[in-house]
PDB file of all heavy atoms in Angstrom:
ATOM      1  N   ASN A   1       0.839  -1.182   0.027  1.00  0.00           N
ATOM      2  CA  ASN A   1       0.026  -0.029   0.007  1.00  0.00           C
ATOM      3  C   ASN A   1       0.869   1.283  -0.001  1.00  0.00           C
ATOM      4  O   ASN A   1       0.541   2.272  -0.635  1.00  0.00           O
ATOM      5  CB  ASN A   1      -0.960  -0.013   1.211  1.00  0.00           C
ATOM      6  CG  ASN A   1      -2.006  -0.917   1.040  1.00  0.00           C
ATOM      7  OD1 ASN A   1      -2.419  -1.373  -0.056  1.00  0.00           O
ATOM      8  ND2 ASN A   1      -2.707  -1.365   2.112  1.00  0.00           N
ATOM      9  N   THR A   2       1.958   1.223   0.816  1.00  0.00           N
ATOM     10  CA  THR A   2       2.876   2.386   0.807  1.00  0.00           C
ATOM     11  C   THR A   2       3.482   2.615  -0.475  1.00  0.00           C
ATOM     12  O   THR A   2       3.507   3.830  -0.971  1.00  0.00           O
ATOM     13  CB  THR A   2       3.940   2.145   1.917  1.00  0.00           C
ATOM     14  OG1 THR A   2       3.321   2.044   3.165  1.00  0.00           O
ATOM     15  CG2 THR A   2       4.920   3.367   1.952  1.00  0.00           C
ATOM     16  N   VAL A   3       3.942   1.645  -1.176  1.00  0.00           N
ATOM     17  CA  VAL A   3       4.647   1.732  -2.453  1.00  0.00           C
ATOM     18  C   VAL A   3       3.642   2.255  -3.470  1.00  0.00           C
ATOM     19  O   VAL A   3       3.947   3.094  -4.312  1.00  0.00           O
ATOM     20  CB  VAL A   3       5.180   0.301  -2.887  1.00  0.00           C
ATOM     21  CG1 VAL A   3       5.694   0.402  -4.350  1.00  0.00           C
ATOM     22  CG2 VAL A   3       6.278  -0.045  -1.964  1.00  0.00           C
ATOM     23  N   LEU A   4       2.413   1.689  -3.430  1.00  0.00           N
ATOM     24  CA  LEU A   4       1.355   2.164  -4.378  1.00  0.00           C
ATOM     25  C   LEU A   4       1.053   3.680  -4.197  1.00  0.00           C
ATOM     26  O   LEU A   4       0.932   4.446  -5.112  1.00  0.00           O
ATOM     27  CB  LEU A   4       0.118   1.328  -4.231  1.00  0.00           C
ATOM     28  CG  LEU A   4      -0.998   1.625  -5.258  1.00  0.00           C
ATOM     29  CD1 LEU A   4      -0.606   1.459  -6.626  1.00  0.00           C
ATOM     30  CD2 LEU A   4      -2.207   0.775  -4.840  1.00  0.00           C
ATOM     31  N   SER A   5       0.908   4.095  -2.958  1.00  0.00           N
ATOM     32  CA  SER A   5       0.676   5.457  -2.639  1.00  0.00           C
ATOM     33  C   SER A   5       1.804   6.348  -3.086  1.00  0.00           C
ATOM     34  O   SER A   5       1.571   7.462  -3.678  1.00  0.00           O
ATOM     35  CB  SER A   5       0.437   5.641  -1.082  1.00  0.00           C
ATOM     36  OG  SER A   5      -0.687   4.947  -0.575  1.00  0.00           O
ATOM     37  N   TYR A   6       3.004   5.919  -2.755  1.00  0.00           N
ATOM     38  CA  TYR A   6       4.207   6.762  -3.221  1.00  0.00           C
ATOM     39  C   TYR A   6       4.292   6.836  -4.799  1.00  0.00           C
ATOM     40  O   TYR A   6       4.579   7.903  -5.365  1.00  0.00           O
ATOM     41  CB  TYR A   6       5.497   6.167  -2.753  1.00  0.00           C
ATOM     42  CG  TYR A   6       5.928   6.696  -1.372  1.00  0.00           C
ATOM     43  CD1 TYR A   6       4.984   6.986  -0.391  1.00  0.00           C
ATOM     44  CD2 TYR A   6       7.243   6.846  -1.076  1.00  0.00           C
ATOM     45  CE1 TYR A   6       5.363   7.472   0.838  1.00  0.00           C
ATOM     46  CE2 TYR A   6       7.659   7.337   0.151  1.00  0.00           C
ATOM     47  CZ  TYR A   6       6.657   7.649   1.098  1.00  0.00           C
ATOM     48  OH  TYR A   6       7.038   8.144   2.328  1.00  0.00           O
ATOM     49  N   ALA A   7       3.846   5.701  -5.412  1.00  0.00           N
ATOM     50  CA  ALA A   7       3.854   5.720  -6.894  1.00  0.00           C
ATOM     51  C   ALA A   7       2.872   6.770  -7.520  1.00  0.00           C
ATOM     52  O   ALA A   7       3.073   7.525  -8.446  1.00  0.00           O
ATOM     53  CB  ALA A   7       3.576   4.371  -7.447  1.00  0.00           C
ATOM     54  N   ASN A   8       1.660   6.780  -6.874  1.00  0.00           N
ATOM     55  CA  ASN A   8       0.656   7.758  -7.269  1.00  0.00           C
ATOM     56  C   ASN A   8       1.114   9.205  -6.977  1.00  0.00           C
ATOM     57  O   ASN A   8       0.825  10.161  -7.718  1.00  0.00           O
ATOM     58  CB  ASN A   8      -0.686   7.414  -6.562  1.00  0.00           C
ATOM     59  CG  ASN A   8      -1.300   6.154  -7.026  1.00  0.00           C
ATOM     60  OD1 ASN A   8      -0.984   5.703  -8.104  1.00  0.00           O
ATOM     61  ND2 ASN A   8      -2.076   5.516  -6.090  1.00  0.00           N
ATOM     62  N   ASP A   9       1.715   9.362  -5.801  1.00  0.00           N
ATOM     63  CA  ASP A   9       2.168  10.739  -5.454  1.00  0.00           C
ATOM     64  C   ASP A   9       3.205  11.299  -6.393  1.00  0.00           C
ATOM     65  O   ASP A   9       3.151  12.461  -6.764  1.00  0.00           O
ATOM     66  CB  ASP A   9       2.740  10.723  -3.961  1.00  0.00           C
ATOM     67  CG  ASP A   9       1.659  10.350  -2.979  1.00  0.00           C
ATOM     68  OD1 ASP A   9       0.514  10.656  -3.201  1.00  0.00           O
ATOM     69  OD2 ASP A   9       2.118   9.938  -1.840  1.00  0.00           O
ATOM     70  N   LEU A  10       4.167  10.401  -6.715  1.00  0.00           N
ATOM     71  CA  LEU A  10       5.181  10.799  -7.623  1.00  0.00           C
ATOM     72  C   LEU A  10       4.723  11.023  -9.111  1.00  0.00           C
ATOM     73  O   LEU A  10       5.153  11.907  -9.796  1.00  0.00           O
ATOM     74  CB  LEU A  10       6.299   9.793  -7.601  1.00  0.00           C
ATOM     75  CG  LEU A  10       7.103   9.773  -6.368  1.00  0.00           C
ATOM     76  CD1 LEU A  10       8.130   8.626  -6.347  1.00  0.00           C
ATOM     77  CD2 LEU A  10       7.734  11.082  -5.983  1.00  0.00           C
ATOM     78  N   GLU A  11       3.703  10.252  -9.448  1.00  0.00           N
ATOM     79  CA  GLU A  11       3.118  10.356 -10.721  1.00  0.00           C
ATOM     80  C   GLU A  11       2.442  11.741 -10.831  1.00  0.00           C
ATOM     81  O   GLU A  11       2.493  12.451 -11.901  1.00  0.00           O
ATOM     82  CB  GLU A  11       2.021   9.310 -11.026  1.00  0.00           C
ATOM     83  CG  GLU A  11       1.459   9.405 -12.353  1.00  0.00           C
ATOM     84  CD  GLU A  11       0.474   8.228 -12.631  1.00  0.00           C
ATOM     85  OE1 GLU A  11       0.448   7.230 -11.798  1.00  0.00           O
ATOM     86  OE2 GLU A  11      -0.266   8.328 -13.615  1.00  0.00           O
ATOM     87  N   GLN A  12       1.724  12.088  -9.726  1.00  0.00           N
ATOM     88  CA  GLN A  12       1.095  13.426  -9.716  1.00  0.00           C
ATOM     89  C   GLN A  12       2.119  14.558  -9.830  1.00  0.00           C
ATOM     90  O   GLN A  12       1.907  15.566 -10.466  1.00  0.00           O
ATOM     91  CB  GLN A  12       0.203  13.512  -8.476  1.00  0.00           C
ATOM     92  CG  GLN A  12      -0.662  14.737  -8.463  1.00  0.00           C
ATOM     93  CD  GLN A  12      -1.556  14.842  -7.244  1.00  0.00           C
ATOM     94  OE1 GLN A  12      -1.326  14.133  -6.237  1.00  0.00           O
ATOM     95  NE2 GLN A  12      -2.568  15.667  -7.302  1.00  0.00           N
ATOM     96  N   MET A  13       3.229  14.392  -9.080  1.00  0.00           N
ATOM     97  CA  MET A  13       4.253  15.402  -9.130  1.00  0.00           C
ATOM     98  C   MET A  13       4.856  15.605 -10.564  1.00  0.00           C
ATOM     99  O   MET A  13       5.031  16.709 -10.999  1.00  0.00           O
ATOM    100  CB  MET A  13       5.409  15.012  -8.195  1.00  0.00           C
ATOM    101  CG  MET A  13       6.564  15.928  -8.178  1.00  0.00           C
ATOM    102  SD  MET A  13       8.045  15.255  -7.400  1.00  0.00           S
ATOM    103  CE  MET A  13       8.584  14.236  -8.664  1.00  0.00           C
ATOM    104  N   VAL A  14       5.009  14.416 -11.226  1.00  0.00           N
ATOM    105  CA  VAL A  14       5.574  14.520 -12.566  1.00  0.00           C
ATOM    106  C   VAL A  14       4.570  15.143 -13.553  1.00  0.00           C
ATOM    107  O   VAL A  14       4.985  15.936 -14.403  1.00  0.00           O
ATOM    108  CB  VAL A  14       5.909  13.101 -13.148  1.00  0.00           C
ATOM    109  CG1 VAL A  14       6.149  13.105 -14.605  1.00  0.00           C
ATOM    110  CG2 VAL A  14       7.146  12.497 -12.369  1.00  0.00           C
ATOM    111  N   GLU A  15       3.347  14.903 -13.352  1.00  0.00           N
ATOM    112  CA  GLU A  15       2.225  15.531 -14.225  1.00  0.00           C
ATOM    113  C   GLU A  15       2.251  17.098 -14.014  1.00  0.00           C
ATOM    114  O   GLU A  15       2.049  17.830 -15.001  1.00  0.00           O
ATOM    115  CB  GLU A  15       0.854  15.001 -13.817  1.00  0.00           C
ATOM    116  CG  GLU A  15       0.603  13.606 -14.310  1.00  0.00           C
ATOM    117  CD  GLU A  15      -0.770  13.015 -13.891  1.00  0.00           C
ATOM    118  OE1 GLU A  15      -1.517  13.826 -13.255  1.00  0.00           O
ATOM    119  OE2 GLU A  15      -1.075  11.920 -14.139  1.00  0.00           O
ATOM    120  N   PHE A  16       2.573  17.493 -12.799  1.00  0.00           N
ATOM    121  CA  PHE A  16       2.577  18.963 -12.510  1.00  0.00           C
ATOM    122  C   PHE A  16       3.861  19.643 -12.863  1.00  0.00           C
ATOM    123  O   PHE A  16       3.907  20.775 -13.360  1.00  0.00           O
ATOM    124  CB  PHE A  16       2.216  19.166 -11.055  1.00  0.00           C
ATOM    125  CG  PHE A  16       1.944  20.604 -10.637  1.00  0.00           C
ATOM    126  CD1 PHE A  16       0.671  21.073 -10.814  1.00  0.00           C
ATOM    127  CD2 PHE A  16       2.932  21.422 -10.166  1.00  0.00           C
ATOM    128  CE1 PHE A  16       0.359  22.453 -10.538  1.00  0.00           C
ATOM    129  CE2 PHE A  16       2.614  22.736  -9.883  1.00  0.00           C
ATOM    130  CZ  PHE A  16       1.397  23.281 -10.024  1.00  0.00           C
ATOM    131  N   LEU A  17       4.975  18.990 -12.533  1.00  0.00           N
ATOM    132  CA  LEU A  17       6.349  19.605 -12.653  1.00  0.00           C
ATOM    133  C   LEU A  17       7.269  19.027 -13.772  1.00  0.00           C
ATOM    134  O   LEU A  17       8.244  19.552 -14.030  1.00  0.00           O
ATOM    135  CB  LEU A  17       7.097  19.448 -11.289  1.00  0.00           C
ATOM    136  CG  LEU A  17       6.446  20.108 -10.049  1.00  0.00           C
ATOM    137  CD1 LEU A  17       7.287  19.767  -8.800  1.00  0.00           C
ATOM    138  CD2 LEU A  17       6.381  21.660 -10.267  1.00  0.00           C
ATOM    139  N   GLY A  18       6.778  17.904 -14.335  1.00  0.00           N
ATOM    140  CA  GLY A  18       7.616  17.314 -15.488  1.00  0.00           C
ATOM    141  C   GLY A  18       8.561  16.342 -14.785  1.00  0.00           C
ATOM    142  O   GLY A  18       8.663  16.138 -13.561  1.00  0.00           O
ATOM    143  N   ASP A  19       9.323  15.627 -15.635  1.00  0.00           N
ATOM    144  CA  ASP A  19      10.282  14.595 -15.184  1.00  0.00           C
ATOM    145  C   ASP A  19      11.732  14.930 -15.330  1.00  0.00           C
ATOM    146  O   ASP A  19      12.590  14.046 -15.310  1.00  0.00           O
ATOM    147  CB  ASP A  19       9.919  13.228 -15.844  1.00  0.00           C
ATOM    148  CG  ASP A  19      10.108  13.274 -17.275  1.00  0.00           C
ATOM    149  OD1 ASP A  19      10.559  14.349 -17.917  1.00  0.00           O
ATOM    150  OD2 ASP A  19       9.850  12.252 -18.032  1.00  0.00           O
ATOM    151  N   ASP A  20      12.036  16.152 -15.517  1.00  0.00           N
ATOM    152  CA  ASP A  20      13.417  16.639 -15.504  1.00  0.00           C
ATOM    153  C   ASP A  20      13.781  16.950 -14.045  1.00  0.00           C
ATOM    154  O   ASP A  20      13.826  18.152 -13.644  1.00  0.00           O
ATOM    155  CB  ASP A  20      13.633  17.866 -16.406  1.00  0.00           C
ATOM    156  CG  ASP A  20      15.095  18.237 -16.552  1.00  0.00           C
ATOM    157  OD1 ASP A  20      15.902  17.524 -15.983  1.00  0.00           O
ATOM    158  OD2 ASP A  20      15.324  19.241 -17.235  1.00  0.00           O
ATOM    159  N   PHE A  21      14.045  16.016 -13.293  1.00  0.00           N
ATOM    160  CA  PHE A  21      14.135  16.043 -11.821  1.00  0.00           C
ATOM    161  C   PHE A  21      15.350  16.967 -11.461  1.00  0.00           C
ATOM    162  O   PHE A  21      15.304  17.664 -10.438  1.00  0.00           O
ATOM    163  CB  PHE A  21      14.352  14.673 -11.158  1.00  0.00           C
ATOM    164  CG  PHE A  21      13.275  13.772 -11.497  1.00  0.00           C
ATOM    165  CD1 PHE A  21      13.410  12.492 -11.975  1.00  0.00           C
ATOM    166  CD2 PHE A  21      11.897  14.160 -11.223  1.00  0.00           C
ATOM    167  CE1 PHE A  21      12.373  11.613 -12.249  1.00  0.00           C
ATOM    168  CE2 PHE A  21      10.801  13.319 -11.560  1.00  0.00           C
ATOM    169  CZ  PHE A  21      11.117  12.032 -12.048  1.00  0.00           C
ATOM    170  N   ALA A  22      16.461  17.042 -12.318  1.00  0.00           N
ATOM    171  CA  ALA A  22      17.536  17.843 -11.944  1.00  0.00           C
ATOM    172  C   ALA A  22      17.222  19.352 -12.024  1.00  0.00           C
ATOM    173  O   ALA A  22      17.919  20.155 -11.384  1.00  0.00           O
ATOM    174  CB  ALA A  22      18.691  17.544 -12.893  1.00  0.00           C
ATOM    175  N   SER A  23      16.183  19.704 -12.783  1.00  0.00           N
ATOM    176  CA  SER A  23      15.876  21.153 -12.932  1.00  0.00           C
ATOM    177  C   SER A  23      14.757  21.593 -11.947  1.00  0.00           C
ATOM    178  O   SER A  23      14.455  22.749 -11.815  1.00  0.00           O
ATOM    179  CB  SER A  23      15.381  21.405 -14.355  1.00  0.00           C
ATOM    180  OG  SER A  23      14.102  20.794 -14.531  1.00  0.00           O
ATOM    181  N   ILE A  24      14.195  20.684 -11.129  1.00  0.00           N
ATOM    182  CA  ILE A  24      13.122  21.009 -10.162  1.00  0.00           C
ATOM    183  C   ILE A  24      13.691  21.802  -9.019  1.00  0.00           C
ATOM    184  O   ILE A  24      14.641  21.335  -8.351  1.00  0.00           O
ATOM    185  CB  ILE A  24      12.427  19.812  -9.727  1.00  0.00           C
ATOM    186  CG1 ILE A  24      11.637  19.203 -10.869  1.00  0.00           C
ATOM    187  CG2 ILE A  24      11.392  20.159  -8.536  1.00  0.00           C
ATOM    188  CD1 ILE A  24      10.848  17.928 -10.530  1.00  0.00           C
ATOM    189  N   LYS A  25      13.127  22.970  -8.683  1.00  0.00           N
ATOM    190  CA  LYS A  25      13.718  23.819  -7.670  1.00  0.00           C
ATOM    191  C   LYS A  25      12.727  23.791  -6.448  1.00  0.00           C
ATOM    192  O   LYS A  25      11.629  23.362  -6.534  1.00  0.00           O
ATOM    193  CB  LYS A  25      13.919  25.235  -8.133  1.00  0.00           C
ATOM    194  CG  LYS A  25      14.826  25.350  -9.292  1.00  0.00           C
ATOM    195  CD  LYS A  25      14.975  26.819  -9.737  1.00  0.00           C
ATOM    196  CE  LYS A  25      15.889  26.946 -10.924  1.00  0.00           C
ATOM    197  NZ  LYS A  25      15.285  26.365 -12.129  1.00  0.00           N
ATOM    198  N   GLN A  26      13.210  24.417  -5.347  1.00  0.00           N
ATOM    199  CA  GLN A  26      12.381  24.525  -4.137  1.00  0.00           C
ATOM    200  C   GLN A  26      11.102  25.244  -4.430  1.00  0.00           C
ATOM    201  O   GLN A  26      10.006  24.916  -4.057  1.00  0.00           O
ATOM    202  CB  GLN A  26      13.170  25.147  -3.051  1.00  0.00           C
ATOM    203  CG  GLN A  26      12.331  25.380  -1.716  1.00  0.00           C
ATOM    204  CD  GLN A  26      13.051  26.152  -0.664  1.00  0.00           C
ATOM    205  OE1 GLN A  26      14.310  26.159  -0.633  1.00  0.00           O
ATOM    206  NE2 GLN A  26      12.344  26.848   0.176  1.00  0.00           N
TER     207      GLN A  26
END
């Protein structure tokens, strides 16, 4: 359940901020 929740959370983050993780700022 924790892994599934984290997967959904990170998918939502990527949808909002994109997947260029090195360029994401505070």
